[in-house]
Amino acid sequence: MVALDPPDVLAVPLAEAIAETKNVPITSDILKTARALGTCMGD
């Protein structure tokens, strides 16, 4: 998996990337934008 850590793009082991839950608030601008672009969030 890759991750953006400005200004670098790094390789990150998948196990490290999913090691802890990272919640995004349902009212987040990021989610609103993704939905407006047609991204399905599974809900």
PDB file of N, CA and C in Angstrom:
ATOM      1  N   MET A   1       0.852  -1.156   0.000  1.00  0.00           N
ATOM      2  CA  MET A   1       0.000   0.000   0.000  1.00  0.00           C
ATOM      3  C   MET A   1       0.901   1.222   0.000  1.00  0.00           C
ATOM      4  N   VAL A   2       0.397   2.312  -0.556  1.00  0.00           N
ATOM      5  CA  VAL A   2       1.163   3.557  -0.535  1.00  0.00           C
ATOM      6  C   VAL A   2       0.437   4.602   0.298  1.00  0.00           C
ATOM      7  N   ALA A   3       1.203   5.530   0.840  1.00  0.00           N
ATOM      8  CA  ALA A   3       0.639   6.604   1.652  1.00  0.00           C
ATOM      9  C   ALA A   3       1.317   7.911   1.290  1.00  0.00           C
ATOM     10  N   LEU A   4       0.550   8.981   1.317  1.00  0.00           N
ATOM     11  CA  LEU A   4       1.094  10.307   1.082  1.00  0.00           C
ATOM     12  C   LEU A   4       1.467  10.912   2.424  1.00  0.00           C
ATOM     13  N   ASP A   5       2.742  11.198   2.593  1.00  0.00           N
ATOM     14  CA  ASP A   5       3.274  11.877   3.774  1.00  0.00           C
ATOM     15  C   ASP A   5       4.077  13.048   3.228  1.00  0.00           C
ATOM     16  N   PRO A   6       3.356  14.140   2.881  1.00  0.00           N
ATOM     17  CA  PRO A   6       3.978  15.239   2.128  1.00  0.00           C
ATOM     18  C   PRO A   6       5.357  15.623   2.652  1.00  0.00           C
ATOM     19  N   PRO A   7       6.292  15.759   1.762  1.00  0.00           N
ATOM     20  CA  PRO A   7       6.173  15.712   0.301  1.00  0.00           C
ATOM     21  C   PRO A   7       6.457  14.327  -0.270  1.00  0.00           C
ATOM     22  N   ASP A   8       6.469  13.300   0.564  1.00  0.00           N
ATOM     23  CA  ASP A   8       6.858  11.957   0.128  1.00  0.00           C
ATOM     24  C   ASP A   8       5.662  11.037  -0.097  1.00  0.00           C
ATOM     25  N   VAL A   9       5.857  10.056  -0.970  1.00  0.00           N
ATOM     26  CA  VAL A   9       4.926   8.943  -1.144  1.00  0.00           C
ATOM     27  C   VAL A   9       5.679   7.720  -0.639  1.00  0.00           C
ATOM     28  N   LEU A  10       5.126   7.061   0.358  1.00  0.00           N
ATOM     29  CA  LEU A  10       5.818   5.970   1.039  1.00  0.00           C
ATOM     30  C   LEU A  10       5.116   4.636   0.851  1.00  0.00           C
ATOM     31  N   ALA A  11       5.898   3.560   0.853  1.00  0.00           N
ATOM     32  CA  ALA A  11       5.337   2.211   0.883  1.00  0.00           C
ATOM     33  C   ALA A  11       5.019   1.892   2.345  1.00  0.00           C
ATOM     34  N   VAL A  12       3.803   1.406   2.591  1.00  0.00           N
ATOM     35  CA  VAL A  12       3.374   1.072   3.950  1.00  0.00           C
ATOM     36  C   VAL A  12       2.827  -0.348   3.931  1.00  0.00           C
ATOM     37  N   PRO A  13       3.327  -1.224   4.814  1.00  0.00           N
ATOM     38  CA  PRO A  13       2.768  -2.570   4.876  1.00  0.00           C
ATOM     39  C   PRO A  13       1.271  -2.509   5.207  1.00  0.00           C
ATOM     40  N   LEU A  14       0.478  -3.327   4.545  1.00  0.00           N
ATOM     41  CA  LEU A  14      -0.965  -3.319   4.756  1.00  0.00           C
ATOM     42  C   LEU A  14      -1.316  -3.558   6.226  1.00  0.00           C
ATOM     43  N   ALA A  15      -0.610  -4.457   6.883  1.00  0.00           N
ATOM     44  CA  ALA A  15      -0.878  -4.741   8.301  1.00  0.00           C
ATOM     45  C   ALA A  15      -0.714  -3.482   9.153  1.00  0.00           C
ATOM     46  N   GLU A  16       0.257  -2.654   8.813  1.00  0.00           N
ATOM     47  CA  GLU A  16       0.466  -1.401   9.547  1.00  0.00           C
ATOM     48  C   GLU A  16      -0.661  -0.405   9.260  1.00  0.00           C
ATOM     49  N   ALA A  17      -1.112  -0.373   8.015  1.00  0.00           N
ATOM     50  CA  ALA A  17      -2.157   0.569   7.613  1.00  0.00           C
ATOM     51  C   ALA A  17      -3.495   0.273   8.294  1.00  0.00           C
ATOM     52  N   ILE A  18      -3.765  -0.994   8.586  1.00  0.00           N
ATOM     53  CA  ILE A  18      -5.052  -1.366   9.189  1.00  0.00           C
ATOM     54  C   ILE A  18      -4.929  -1.731  10.665  1.00  0.00           C
ATOM     55  N   ALA A  19      -3.790  -1.436  11.276  1.00  0.00           N
ATOM     56  CA  ALA A  19      -3.540  -1.825  12.666  1.00  0.00           C
ATOM     57  C   ALA A  19      -4.515  -1.185  13.650  1.00  0.00           C
ATOM     58  N   GLU A  20      -4.989   0.013  13.359  1.00  0.00           N
ATOM     59  CA  GLU A  20      -5.952   0.656  14.256  1.00  0.00           C
ATOM     60  C   GLU A  20      -7.084   1.267  13.443  1.00  0.00           C
ATOM     61  N   THR A  21      -8.256   1.327  14.058  1.00  0.00           N
ATOM     62  CA  THR A  21      -9.427   1.892  13.400  1.00  0.00           C
ATOM     63  C   THR A  21      -9.291   3.405  13.330  1.00  0.00           C
ATOM     64  N   LYS A  22      -9.558   3.937  12.159  1.00  0.00           N
ATOM     65  CA  LYS A  22      -9.515   5.386  11.964  1.00  0.00           C
ATOM     66  C   LYS A  22     -10.897   5.831  11.508  1.00  0.00           C
ATOM     67  N   ASN A  23     -11.657   6.438  12.400  1.00  0.00           N
ATOM     68  CA  ASN A  23     -13.029   6.854  12.105  1.00  0.00           C
ATOM     69  C   ASN A  23     -13.068   8.237  11.465  1.00  0.00           C
ATOM     70  N   VAL A  24     -13.981   8.394  10.528  1.00  0.00           N
ATOM     71  CA  VAL A  24     -14.229   9.684   9.887  1.00  0.00           C
ATOM     72  C   VAL A  24     -15.666  10.058  10.215  1.00  0.00           C
ATOM     73  N   PRO A  25     -15.888  11.256  10.771  1.00  0.00           N
ATOM     74  CA  PRO A  25     -17.260  11.662  11.097  1.00  0.00           C
ATOM     75  C   PRO A  25     -18.160  11.629   9.863  1.00  0.00           C
ATOM     76  N   ILE A  26     -19.392  11.180  10.041  1.00  0.00           N
ATOM     77  CA  ILE A  26     -20.345  11.042   8.940  1.00  0.00           C
ATOM     78  C   ILE A  26     -20.631  12.389   8.272  1.00  0.00           C
ATOM     79  N   THR A  27     -20.410  13.483   8.985  1.00  0.00           N
ATOM     80  CA  THR A  27     -20.649  14.822   8.433  1.00  0.00           C
ATOM     81  C   THR A  27     -19.384  15.449   7.849  1.00  0.00           C
ATOM     82  N   SER A  28     -18.332  14.667   7.740  1.00  0.00           N
ATOM     83  CA  SER A  28     -17.047  15.158   7.243  1.00  0.00           C
ATOM     84  C   SER A  28     -17.148  15.695   5.814  1.00  0.00           C
ATOM     85  N   ASP A  29     -16.455  16.800   5.554  1.00  0.00           N
ATOM     86  CA  ASP A  29     -16.402  17.347   4.194  1.00  0.00           C
ATOM     87  C   ASP A  29     -15.792  16.345   3.216  1.00  0.00           C
ATOM     88  N   ILE A  30     -14.869  15.524   3.703  1.00  0.00           N
ATOM     89  CA  ILE A  30     -14.248  14.508   2.845  1.00  0.00           C
ATOM     90  C   ILE A  30     -15.308  13.522   2.355  1.00  0.00           C
ATOM     91  N   LEU A  31     -16.178  13.058   3.256  1.00  0.00           N
ATOM     92  CA  LEU A  31     -17.237  12.130   2.857  1.00  0.00           C
ATOM     93  C   LEU A  31     -18.258  12.801   1.953  1.00  0.00           C
ATOM     94  N   LYS A  32     -18.605  14.039   2.265  1.00  0.00           N
ATOM     95  CA  LYS A  32     -19.558  14.766   1.417  1.00  0.00           C
ATOM     96  C   LYS A  32     -19.023  14.904  -0.004  1.00  0.00           C
ATOM     97  N   THR A  33     -17.749  15.228  -0.128  1.00  0.00           N
ATOM     98  CA  THR A  33     -17.136  15.372  -1.449  1.00  0.00           C
ATOM     99  C   THR A  33     -17.091  14.037  -2.175  1.00  0.00           C
ATOM    100  N   ALA A  34     -16.701  12.976  -1.476  1.00  0.00           N
ATOM    101  CA  ALA A  34     -16.632  11.652  -2.097  1.00  0.00           C
ATOM    102  C   ALA A  34     -18.000  11.216  -2.604  1.00  0.00           C
ATOM    103  N   ARG A  35     -19.035  11.433  -1.805  1.00  0.00           N
ATOM    104  CA  ARG A  35     -20.393  11.069  -2.232  1.00  0.00           C
ATOM    105  C   ARG A  35     -20.839  11.911  -3.423  1.00  0.00           C
ATOM    106  N   ALA A  36     -20.494  13.196  -3.422  1.00  0.00           N
ATOM    107  CA  ALA A  36     -20.858  14.077  -4.542  1.00  0.00           C
ATOM    108  C   ALA A  36     -20.189  13.626  -5.837  1.00  0.00           C
ATOM    109  N   LEU A  37     -19.037  12.974  -5.712  1.00  0.00           N
ATOM    110  CA  LEU A  37     -18.324  12.460  -6.882  1.00  0.00           C
ATOM    111  C   LEU A  37     -18.809  11.072  -7.292  1.00  0.00           C
ATOM    112  N   GLY A  38     -19.742  10.504  -6.507  1.00  0.00           N
ATOM    113  CA  GLY A  38     -20.314   9.207  -6.847  1.00  0.00           C
ATOM    114  C   GLY A  38     -19.653   8.020  -6.180  1.00  0.00           C
ATOM    115  N   THR A  39     -18.810   8.261  -5.178  1.00  0.00           N
ATOM    116  CA  THR A  39     -18.145   7.173  -4.472  1.00  0.00           C
ATOM    117  C   THR A  39     -19.121   6.512  -3.507  1.00  0.00           C
ATOM    118  N   CYS A  40     -19.229   5.188  -3.555  1.00  0.00           N
ATOM    119  CA  CYS A  40     -20.109   4.445  -2.659  1.00  0.00           C
ATOM    120  C   CYS A  40     -19.367   4.145  -1.359  1.00  0.00           C
ATOM    121  N   MET A  41     -19.988   4.474  -0.241  1.00  0.00           N
ATOM    122  CA  MET A  41     -19.377   4.239   1.067  1.00  0.00           C
ATOM    123  C   MET A  41     -19.942   2.992   1.748  1.00  0.00           C
ATOM    124  N   GLY A  42     -20.818   2.281   1.079  1.00  0.00           N
ATOM    125  CA  GLY A  42     -21.351   1.044   1.622  1.00  0.00           C
ATOM    126  C   GLY A  42     -22.470   1.231   2.632  1.00  0.00           C
ATOM    127  N   ASP A  43     -23.052   2.419   2.668  1.00  0.00           N
ATOM    128  CA  ASP A  43     -24.151   2.622   3.613  1.00  0.00           C
ATOM    129  C   ASP A  43     -25.459   2.914   2.905  1.00  0.00           C
TER     130      ASP A  43
END
